[in-house]
Structure formats: C-alpha cells, structure tokens
Amino acid sequence: MPDHVIRSLALVAALGTIAHADKDPDGEIKLSLPTESDRVAWLRPGFRLGLGIMYGEMVGLRGVRNGRELAVNMHAGLRLDADWSLIASFKYGRVSAANGITGFIYSGTLDPTWHVTHSFSLAAGMGFGGIVSGRTNAADVEPLGANLQSGYTFSSSNPAMPFCDGNGLIGVLRAEYSWVLGPRSSTHVELEVVGQYISCQDPTGVTEPDTATPIVRTQYWPMTGGTLSWGLTWR
C-alpha cells in the first residue's frame, strides 16, 4: 500500500480517537445550583441540641434566703418551622452564699419557643425543679423535730428552715440571641427569669410513737431569680 494512503488512514484513526475522548459518558455538563446560606439552613425543621453554662442569682421570698447560682444547662428539641420550636431544657448546678442557701439545684422544663427574627427568640416554659441544700449555721425554727409527735407543715416560710430538700413547680421566661457559625453549629447568649415554689422536706430523725412513721417537717419556699448563660447549639 502506498505510503501516502497509510499516512491518511493513520490521521483519520487519530482524529476518531480524539473525538471519542472528547465525548462525556455522563452526558452534557450542567452547572451546579447555588447552595443555600447557613442562616437559611438553620430555619429548616429538625433536631437541635444545645449545651451551655450559666451564672445568676436565686432570690428567696417571704423569709427564704438567697444564693448565687452556677450551673450547666442543656436544650434538646425540634425546630418545627421558621417561627416555632419545642424545646426541653434541663439544668443542674450549685447554689451558694455565705449567709444564704448552699447546695445543689436541678430543673427540667418544656419550653415552646417563638423565633421573632433569624437571631432573636423568646421562650416560656413550665416544669419541675428542686434543691438539695446543705445545713447552714442559721438557727433552727420552732417547732423542733424532737418536740413533734407527728408530721408538721409550717404555715409560712418566715422564718425559713436552715435546710431544704425538695422540689416543686417552676416557670421560666427566656430571651435568646444567637449567631450562626456554620451549617451545623451556632452560639448563643440567653437571659432567663425563673419563678419556683418548692416543697422543702426536713427529716427530723424521729418517728411517731404509735406507727413508727418518720416525722418530717414541711415548709414551702417561694423563690425567683435570673441567670445569664452562654452556649453552643448543633443541628
């Protein structure tokens, strides 16, 4: 075969190889759609988990003593839509004061939350909370346990017992401002106001002579307070 025919055939074969290589086996190239912003992603429904640290003041009413509060909190719940969330909040920490309450505090509330803007939200919740306080140097109040023949409930919290171990209803109002850090995390600052009514139990160590039932003194403590907290949230 003549050389010029061989060269022509080789050129045609090379051009065919190049044309085949240029073909995309996946079809026509398409441009990606624009990705949504991180702030828009946080508006979508889904699970949220937040952890934080809080500092504040517990204020006793009607003779109940005060205490400074340092605690950790957790928020876990669902973002329902762009405007509403349903959050369960839990708190555990310590309360202390030189001449006031000293001990541990805890609470759990269910908090419907309204997202006023992308960053600012308001919540109101109800639940249960309590305190386990250590005994203080404050004088005990009459009647003393040794003088009782049965359980006793004080008619007032003034003067307050030097010890409280109990729980009761708690109400929470909370304002939060958050900053989006990325598609999966954000940070927030919270201001919280709390109202609580605690049923304090004081075991006297004495039993009823007829039934051998432990004698317990009961006193109801009304309390309020406020905290400021900082934390992180994930979705």
C-alpha atoms as a PDB file:
ATOM      1  CA  MET A   1       0.000   0.000   0.000  1.00  0.00           C
ATOM      2  CA  PRO A   2       1.406   3.435  -0.882  1.00  0.00           C
ATOM      3  CA  ASP A   3       2.877   5.468   1.945  1.00  0.00           C
ATOM      4  CA  HIS A   4       0.540   8.434   1.415  1.00  0.00           C
ATOM      5  CA  VAL A   5      -2.517   6.155   1.829  1.00  0.00           C
ATOM      6  CA  ILE A   6      -1.101   4.700   5.060  1.00  0.00           C
ATOM      7  CA  ARG A   7      -0.495   8.192   6.435  1.00  0.00           C
ATOM      8  CA  SER A   8      -4.039   9.249   5.545  1.00  0.00           C
ATOM      9  CA  LEU A   9      -5.556   6.241   7.320  1.00  0.00           C
ATOM     10  CA  ALA A  10      -3.447   6.887  10.429  1.00  0.00           C
ATOM     11  CA  LEU A  11      -4.580  10.510  10.523  1.00  0.00           C
ATOM     12  CA  VAL A  12      -8.240   9.504  10.266  1.00  0.00           C
ATOM     13  CA  ALA A  13      -7.797   6.961  13.095  1.00  0.00           C
ATOM     14  CA  ALA A  14      -6.120   9.582  15.317  1.00  0.00           C
ATOM     15  CA  LEU A  15      -8.901  12.099  14.725  1.00  0.00           C
ATOM     16  CA  GLY A  16     -11.510   9.471  15.621  1.00  0.00           C
ATOM     17  CA  THR A  17      -9.714   8.676  18.885  1.00  0.00           C
ATOM     18  CA  ILE A  18      -9.636  12.352  19.864  1.00  0.00           C
ATOM     19  CA  ALA A  19     -13.314  12.810  19.033  1.00  0.00           C
ATOM     20  CA  HIS A  20     -14.232   9.764  21.126  1.00  0.00           C
ATOM     21  CA  ALA A  21     -12.179  11.017  24.070  1.00  0.00           C
ATOM     22  CA  ASP A  22     -13.964  14.374  23.971  1.00  0.00           C
ATOM     23  CA  LYS A  23     -17.350  12.739  24.455  1.00  0.00           C
ATOM     24  CA  ASP A  24     -18.627  12.889  28.129  1.00  0.00           C
ATOM     25  CA  PRO A  25     -20.006   9.461  29.123  1.00  0.00           C
ATOM     26  CA  ASP A  26     -22.207  11.254  31.694  1.00  0.00           C
ATOM     27  CA  GLY A  27     -23.869  13.471  29.143  1.00  0.00           C
ATOM     28  CA  GLU A  28     -23.901  17.230  28.846  1.00  0.00           C
ATOM     29  CA  ILE A  29     -22.104  19.208  31.553  1.00  0.00           C
ATOM     30  CA  LYS A  30     -24.525  21.043  33.834  1.00  0.00           C
ATOM     31  CA  LEU A  31     -23.765  23.875  36.237  1.00  0.00           C
ATOM     32  CA  SER A  32     -24.496  23.266  39.963  1.00  0.00           C
ATOM     33  CA  LEU A  33     -27.371  25.125  41.568  1.00  0.00           C
ATOM     34  CA  PRO A  34     -26.397  27.805  44.129  1.00  0.00           C
ATOM     35  CA  THR A  35     -26.061  26.377  47.668  1.00  0.00           C
ATOM     36  CA  GLU A  36     -28.261  27.845  50.449  1.00  0.00           C
ATOM     37  CA  SER A  37     -26.768  30.100  53.096  1.00  0.00           C
ATOM     38  CA  ASP A  38     -26.014  28.774  56.578  1.00  0.00           C
ATOM     39  CA  ARG A  39     -28.627  31.066  58.099  1.00  0.00           C
ATOM     40  CA  VAL A  40     -31.354  29.689  55.801  1.00  0.00           C
ATOM     41  CA  ALA A  41     -30.324  26.121  56.666  1.00  0.00           C
ATOM     42  CA  TRP A  42     -30.979  26.822  60.361  1.00  0.00           C
ATOM     43  CA  LEU A  43     -34.593  27.716  59.569  1.00  0.00           C
ATOM     44  CA  ARG A  44     -35.374  24.210  58.352  1.00  0.00           C
ATOM     45  CA  PRO A  45     -37.236  21.797  60.679  1.00  0.00           C
ATOM     46  CA  GLY A  46     -35.146  19.263  62.550  1.00  0.00           C
ATOM     47  CA  PHE A  47     -33.483  18.262  65.798  1.00  0.00           C
ATOM     48  CA  ARG A  48     -31.492  20.775  67.871  1.00  0.00           C
ATOM     49  CA  LEU A  49     -29.113  20.162  70.789  1.00  0.00           C
ATOM     50  CA  GLY A  50     -27.579  22.913  72.902  1.00  0.00           C
ATOM     51  CA  LEU A  51     -25.172  22.963  75.838  1.00  0.00           C
ATOM     52  CA  GLY A  52     -24.284  25.967  77.971  1.00  0.00           C
ATOM     53  CA  ILE A  53     -23.000  27.369  81.235  1.00  0.00           C
ATOM     54  CA  MET A  54     -24.993  29.830  83.318  1.00  0.00           C
ATOM     55  CA  TYR A  55     -24.464  32.196  86.232  1.00  0.00           C
ATOM     56  CA  GLY A  56     -27.075  34.067  88.234  1.00  0.00           C
ATOM     57  CA  GLU A  57     -28.866  34.664  91.493  1.00  0.00           C
ATOM     58  CA  MET A  58     -31.613  32.757  93.326  1.00  0.00           C
ATOM     59  CA  VAL A  59     -33.718  35.186  95.344  1.00  0.00           C
ATOM     60  CA  GLY A  60     -35.780  33.871  98.234  1.00  0.00           C
ATOM     61  CA  LEU A  61     -39.146  35.423  99.026  1.00  0.00           C
ATOM     62  CA  ARG A  62     -41.053  35.712 102.325  1.00  0.00           C
ATOM     63  CA  GLY A  63     -38.063  34.998 104.545  1.00  0.00           C
ATOM     64  CA  VAL A  64     -36.231  32.472 102.319  1.00  0.00           C
ATOM     65  CA  ARG A  65     -32.517  33.177 101.946  1.00  0.00           C
ATOM     66  CA  ASN A  66     -30.679  33.949  98.688  1.00  0.00           C
ATOM     67  CA  GLY A  67     -27.852  32.216  96.858  1.00  0.00           C
ATOM     68  CA  ARG A  68     -25.564  32.625  93.839  1.00  0.00           C
ATOM     69  CA  GLU A  69     -26.091  30.078  91.094  1.00  0.00           C
ATOM     70  CA  LEU A  70     -23.533  28.406  88.791  1.00  0.00           C
ATOM     71  CA  ALA A  71     -24.920  25.653  86.570  1.00  0.00           C
ATOM     72  CA  VAL A  72     -24.798  23.857  83.237  1.00  0.00           C
ATOM     73  CA  ASN A  73     -27.839  23.549  81.018  1.00  0.00           C
ATOM     74  CA  MET A  74     -28.988  21.504  78.050  1.00  0.00           C
ATOM     75  CA  HIS A  75     -31.651  22.267  75.438  1.00  0.00           C
ATOM     76  CA  ALA A  76     -32.915  19.412  73.260  1.00  0.00           C
ATOM     77  CA  GLY A  77     -35.884  19.541  70.924  1.00  0.00           C
ATOM     78  CA  LEU A  78     -37.338  20.158  67.491  1.00  0.00           C
ATOM     79  CA  ARG A  79     -37.414  23.155  65.197  1.00  0.00           C
ATOM     80  CA  LEU A  80     -40.981  22.902  63.909  1.00  0.00           C
ATOM     81  CA  ASP A  81     -40.808  25.607  61.240  1.00  0.00           C
ATOM     82  CA  ALA A  82     -39.261  29.006  60.637  1.00  0.00           C
ATOM     83  CA  ASP A  83     -41.197  30.553  63.545  1.00  0.00           C
ATOM     84  CA  TRP A  84     -41.561  27.891  66.267  1.00  0.00           C
ATOM     85  CA  SER A  85     -39.574  25.294  68.199  1.00  0.00           C
ATOM     86  CA  LEU A  86     -40.487  22.928  71.022  1.00  0.00           C
ATOM     87  CA  ILE A  87     -37.554  22.540  73.407  1.00  0.00           C
ATOM     88  CA  ALA A  88     -36.970  20.521  76.585  1.00  0.00           C
ATOM     89  CA  SER A  89     -34.497  22.251  78.923  1.00  0.00           C
ATOM     90  CA  PHE A  90     -32.528  20.715  81.792  1.00  0.00           C
ATOM     91  CA  LYS A  91     -30.332  22.394  84.396  1.00  0.00           C
ATOM     92  CA  TYR A  92     -28.008  21.116  87.098  1.00  0.00           C
ATOM     93  CA  GLY A  93     -25.680  23.159  89.245  1.00  0.00           C
ATOM     94  CA  ARG A  94     -24.688  24.600  92.575  1.00  0.00           C
ATOM     95  CA  VAL A  95     -26.066  27.455  94.630  1.00  0.00           C
ATOM     96  CA  SER A  96     -24.037  29.051  97.412  1.00  0.00           C
ATOM     97  CA  ALA A  97     -23.858  32.102  99.661  1.00  0.00           C
ATOM     98  CA  ALA A  98     -22.000  32.911 102.855  1.00  0.00           C
ATOM     99  CA  ASN A  99     -25.191  33.618 104.816  1.00  0.00           C
ATOM    100  CA  GLY A 100     -27.723  32.094 102.446  1.00  0.00           C
ATOM    101  CA  ILE A 101     -28.544  28.848 100.649  1.00  0.00           C
ATOM    102  CA  THR A 102     -25.827  26.327  99.863  1.00  0.00           C
ATOM    103  CA  GLY A 103     -26.461  23.142  97.928  1.00  0.00           C
ATOM    104  CA  PHE A 104     -27.356  21.691  94.539  1.00  0.00           C
ATOM    105  CA  ILE A 105     -30.190  22.708  92.218  1.00  0.00           C
ATOM    106  CA  TYR A 106     -31.845  20.981  89.266  1.00  0.00           C
ATOM    107  CA  SER A 107     -34.786  21.553  86.932  1.00  0.00           C
ATOM    108  CA  GLY A 108     -36.487  20.324  83.783  1.00  0.00           C
ATOM    109  CA  THR A 109     -38.961  22.348  81.711  1.00  0.00           C
ATOM    110  CA  LEU A 110     -40.800  22.156  78.397  1.00  0.00           C
ATOM    111  CA  ASP A 111     -40.375  25.432  76.513  1.00  0.00           C
ATOM    112  CA  PRO A 112     -42.372  26.462  73.416  1.00  0.00           C
ATOM    113  CA  THR A 113     -40.085  28.938  71.630  1.00  0.00           C
ATOM    114  CA  TRP A 114     -41.042  31.738  69.232  1.00  0.00           C
ATOM    115  CA  HIS A 115     -38.332  32.832  66.778  1.00  0.00           C
ATOM    116  CA  VAL A 116     -39.037  36.542  66.460  1.00  0.00           C
ATOM    117  CA  THR A 117     -36.212  37.016  63.918  1.00  0.00           C
ATOM    118  CA  HIS A 118     -33.469  34.837  62.455  1.00  0.00           C
ATOM    119  CA  SER A 119     -31.347  35.552  65.555  1.00  0.00           C
ATOM    120  CA  PHE A 120     -33.695  36.553  68.389  1.00  0.00           C
ATOM    121  CA  SER A 121     -36.167  34.218  70.129  1.00  0.00           C
ATOM    122  CA  LEU A 122     -38.450  34.173  73.170  1.00  0.00           C
ATOM    123  CA  ALA A 123     -39.472  31.120  75.219  1.00  0.00           C
ATOM    124  CA  ALA A 124     -41.860  30.390  78.088  1.00  0.00           C
ATOM    125  CA  GLY A 125     -41.732  27.048  79.894  1.00  0.00           C
ATOM    126  CA  MET A 126     -43.130  25.061  82.790  1.00  0.00           C
ATOM    127  CA  GLY A 127     -41.793  22.032  84.625  1.00  0.00           C
ATOM    128  CA  PHE A 128     -40.300  20.772  87.864  1.00  0.00           C
ATOM    129  CA  GLY A 129     -37.216  21.848  89.761  1.00  0.00           C
ATOM    130  CA  GLY A 130     -35.727  21.393  93.166  1.00  0.00           C
ATOM    131  CA  ILE A 131     -32.896  21.890  95.595  1.00  0.00           C
ATOM    132  CA  VAL A 132     -30.792  19.788  97.936  1.00  0.00           C
ATOM    133  CA  SER A 133     -29.256  22.278 100.340  1.00  0.00           C
ATOM    134  CA  GLY A 134     -26.639  21.737 102.987  1.00  0.00           C
ATOM    135  CA  ARG A 135     -27.290  22.769 106.563  1.00  0.00           C
ATOM    136  CA  THR A 136     -26.134  26.237 107.498  1.00  0.00           C
ATOM    137  CA  ASN A 137     -25.181  27.951 110.719  1.00  0.00           C
ATOM    138  CA  ALA A 138     -28.602  29.618 110.842  1.00  0.00           C
ATOM    139  CA  ALA A 139     -30.679  28.843 113.906  1.00  0.00           C
ATOM    140  CA  ASP A 140     -33.372  26.207 113.560  1.00  0.00           C
ATOM    141  CA  VAL A 141     -37.010  27.232 113.782  1.00  0.00           C
ATOM    142  CA  GLU A 142     -39.778  26.083 116.087  1.00  0.00           C
ATOM    143  CA  PRO A 143     -41.230  23.554 116.460  1.00  0.00           C
ATOM    144  CA  LEU A 144     -38.120  21.405 116.587  1.00  0.00           C
ATOM    145  CA  GLY A 145     -38.292  17.820 115.434  1.00  0.00           C
ATOM    146  CA  ALA A 146     -37.601  16.430 118.889  1.00  0.00           C
ATOM    147  CA  ASN A 147     -40.775  18.086 120.175  1.00  0.00           C
ATOM    148  CA  LEU A 148     -43.113  16.678 117.486  1.00  0.00           C
ATOM    149  CA  GLN A 149     -45.362  13.657 117.771  1.00  0.00           C
ATOM    150  CA  SER A 150     -46.338  13.662 114.071  1.00  0.00           C
ATOM    151  CA  GLY A 151     -45.507  15.334 110.788  1.00  0.00           C
ATOM    152  CA  TYR A 152     -45.703  19.115 110.741  1.00  0.00           C
ATOM    153  CA  THR A 153     -46.252  21.689 107.944  1.00  0.00           C
ATOM    154  CA  PHE A 154     -45.228  25.305 108.556  1.00  0.00           C
ATOM    155  CA  SER A 155     -47.852  27.914 107.746  1.00  0.00           C
ATOM    156  CA  SER A 156     -45.187  30.351 106.487  1.00  0.00           C
ATOM    157  CA  SER A 157     -41.661  30.403 105.120  1.00  0.00           C
ATOM    158  CA  ASN A 158     -40.681  33.191 107.510  1.00  0.00           C
ATOM    159  CA  PRO A 159     -38.571  32.287 109.371  1.00  0.00           C
ATOM    160  CA  ALA A 160     -37.137  29.730 106.946  1.00  0.00           C
ATOM    161  CA  MET A 161     -35.732  26.366 107.953  1.00  0.00           C
ATOM    162  CA  PRO A 162     -31.924  26.126 107.739  1.00  0.00           C
ATOM    163  CA  PHE A 163     -32.241  23.119 105.411  1.00  0.00           C
ATOM    164  CA  CYS A 164     -34.325  22.251 102.338  1.00  0.00           C
ATOM    165  CA  ASP A 165     -34.552  19.042 100.354  1.00  0.00           C
ATOM    166  CA  GLY A 166     -37.437  19.060  97.891  1.00  0.00           C
ATOM    167  CA  ASN A 167     -38.895  20.107  94.572  1.00  0.00           C
ATOM    168  CA  GLY A 168     -41.885  21.822  93.057  1.00  0.00           C
ATOM    169  CA  LEU A 169     -43.259  23.692  90.078  1.00  0.00           C
ATOM    170  CA  ILE A 170     -41.003  26.024  88.124  1.00  0.00           C
ATOM    171  CA  GLY A 171     -41.785  28.599  85.443  1.00  0.00           C
ATOM    172  CA  VAL A 172     -39.231  30.037  83.010  1.00  0.00           C
ATOM    173  CA  LEU A 173     -39.120  33.083  80.709  1.00  0.00           C
ATOM    174  CA  ARG A 174     -36.134  33.211  78.376  1.00  0.00           C
ATOM    175  CA  ALA A 175     -34.756  35.573  75.721  1.00  0.00           C
ATOM    176  CA  GLU A 176     -32.014  34.298  73.407  1.00  0.00           C
ATOM    177  CA  TYR A 177     -29.792  35.853  70.763  1.00  0.00           C
ATOM    178  CA  SER A 178     -27.806  33.527  68.508  1.00  0.00           C
ATOM    179  CA  TRP A 179     -25.064  33.744  65.892  1.00  0.00           C
ATOM    180  CA  VAL A 180     -24.687  31.125  63.143  1.00  0.00           C
ATOM    181  CA  LEU A 181     -21.164  29.696  62.997  1.00  0.00           C
ATOM    182  CA  GLY A 182     -21.749  27.249  60.155  1.00  0.00           C
ATOM    183  CA  PRO A 183     -24.277  24.838  58.653  1.00  0.00           C
ATOM    184  CA  ARG A 184     -24.178  22.624  61.762  1.00  0.00           C
ATOM    185  CA  SER A 185     -23.308  24.862  64.718  1.00  0.00           C
ATOM    186  CA  SER A 186     -24.241  28.186  66.289  1.00  0.00           C
ATOM    187  CA  THR A 187     -23.526  30.069  69.508  1.00  0.00           C
ATOM    188  CA  HIS A 188     -25.994  31.921  71.728  1.00  0.00           C
ATOM    189  CA  VAL A 189     -26.448  34.148  74.770  1.00  0.00           C
ATOM    190  CA  GLU A 190     -29.521  33.703  76.985  1.00  0.00           C
ATOM    191  CA  LEU A 191     -31.172  35.814  79.679  1.00  0.00           C
ATOM    192  CA  GLU A 192     -33.553  33.798  81.863  1.00  0.00           C
ATOM    193  CA  VAL A 193     -36.027  34.694  84.627  1.00  0.00           C
ATOM    194  CA  VAL A 194     -37.302  31.897  86.891  1.00  0.00           C
ATOM    195  CA  GLY A 195     -40.103  31.534  89.421  1.00  0.00           C
ATOM    196  CA  GLN A 196     -40.282  28.465  91.664  1.00  0.00           C
ATOM    197  CA  TYR A 197     -42.369  27.073  94.533  1.00  0.00           C
ATOM    198  CA  ILE A 198     -40.505  24.339  96.430  1.00  0.00           C
ATOM    199  CA  SER A 199     -41.883  21.869  98.950  1.00  0.00           C
ATOM    200  CA  CYS A 200     -38.982  21.535 101.412  1.00  0.00           C
ATOM    201  CA  GLN A 201     -38.724  18.368 103.466  1.00  0.00           C
ATOM    202  CA  ASP A 202     -36.692  18.158 106.670  1.00  0.00           C
ATOM    203  CA  PRO A 203     -36.417  14.633 108.106  1.00  0.00           C
ATOM    204  CA  THR A 204     -36.214  15.026 111.872  1.00  0.00           C
ATOM    205  CA  GLY A 205     -34.789  11.593 112.642  1.00  0.00           C
ATOM    206  CA  VAL A 206     -37.732  10.985 114.999  1.00  0.00           C
ATOM    207  CA  THR A 207     -40.576   8.519 114.416  1.00  0.00           C
ATOM    208  CA  GLU A 208     -44.198   8.571 115.506  1.00  0.00           C
ATOM    209  CA  PRO A 209     -44.556   6.527 118.723  1.00  0.00           C
ATOM    210  CA  ASP A 210     -47.633   4.589 117.521  1.00  0.00           C
ATOM    211  CA  THR A 211     -46.832   3.872 113.864  1.00  0.00           C
ATOM    212  CA  ALA A 212     -43.034   4.259 113.728  1.00  0.00           C
ATOM    213  CA  THR A 213     -43.545   6.563 110.715  1.00  0.00           C
ATOM    214  CA  PRO A 214     -40.665   9.031 110.238  1.00  0.00           C
ATOM    215  CA  ILE A 215     -41.641  12.549 111.300  1.00  0.00           C
ATOM    216  CA  VAL A 216     -40.963  15.141 108.610  1.00  0.00           C
ATOM    217  CA  ARG A 217     -41.232  18.917 108.813  1.00  0.00           C
ATOM    218  CA  THR A 218     -42.503  20.554 105.595  1.00  0.00           C
ATOM    219  CA  GLN A 219     -42.117  24.162 104.556  1.00  0.00           C
ATOM    220  CA  TYR A 220     -42.933  25.798 101.201  1.00  0.00           C
ATOM    221  CA  TRP A 221     -40.294  28.117  99.743  1.00  0.00           C
ATOM    222  CA  PRO A 222     -41.259  30.695  97.086  1.00  0.00           C
ATOM    223  CA  MET A 223     -38.242  31.728  95.034  1.00  0.00           C
ATOM    224  CA  THR A 224     -37.387  33.728  91.959  1.00  0.00           C
ATOM    225  CA  GLY A 225     -34.139  34.559  90.195  1.00  0.00           C
ATOM    226  CA  GLY A 226     -32.325  35.373  86.994  1.00  0.00           C
ATOM    227  CA  THR A 227     -29.409  33.932  85.048  1.00  0.00           C
ATOM    228  CA  LEU A 228     -27.176  34.836  82.122  1.00  0.00           C
ATOM    229  CA  SER A 229     -25.766  31.992  80.059  1.00  0.00           C
ATOM    230  CA  TRP A 230     -23.615  31.264  77.006  1.00  0.00           C
ATOM    231  CA  GLY A 231     -23.606  28.083  74.957  1.00  0.00           C
ATOM    232  CA  LEU A 232     -23.361  26.231  71.645  1.00  0.00           C
ATOM    233  CA  THR A 233     -26.103  24.603  69.593  1.00  0.00           C
ATOM    234  CA  TRP A 234     -25.873  21.870  66.969  1.00  0.00           C
ATOM    235  CA  ARG A 235     -28.366  20.601  64.419  1.00  0.00           C
END
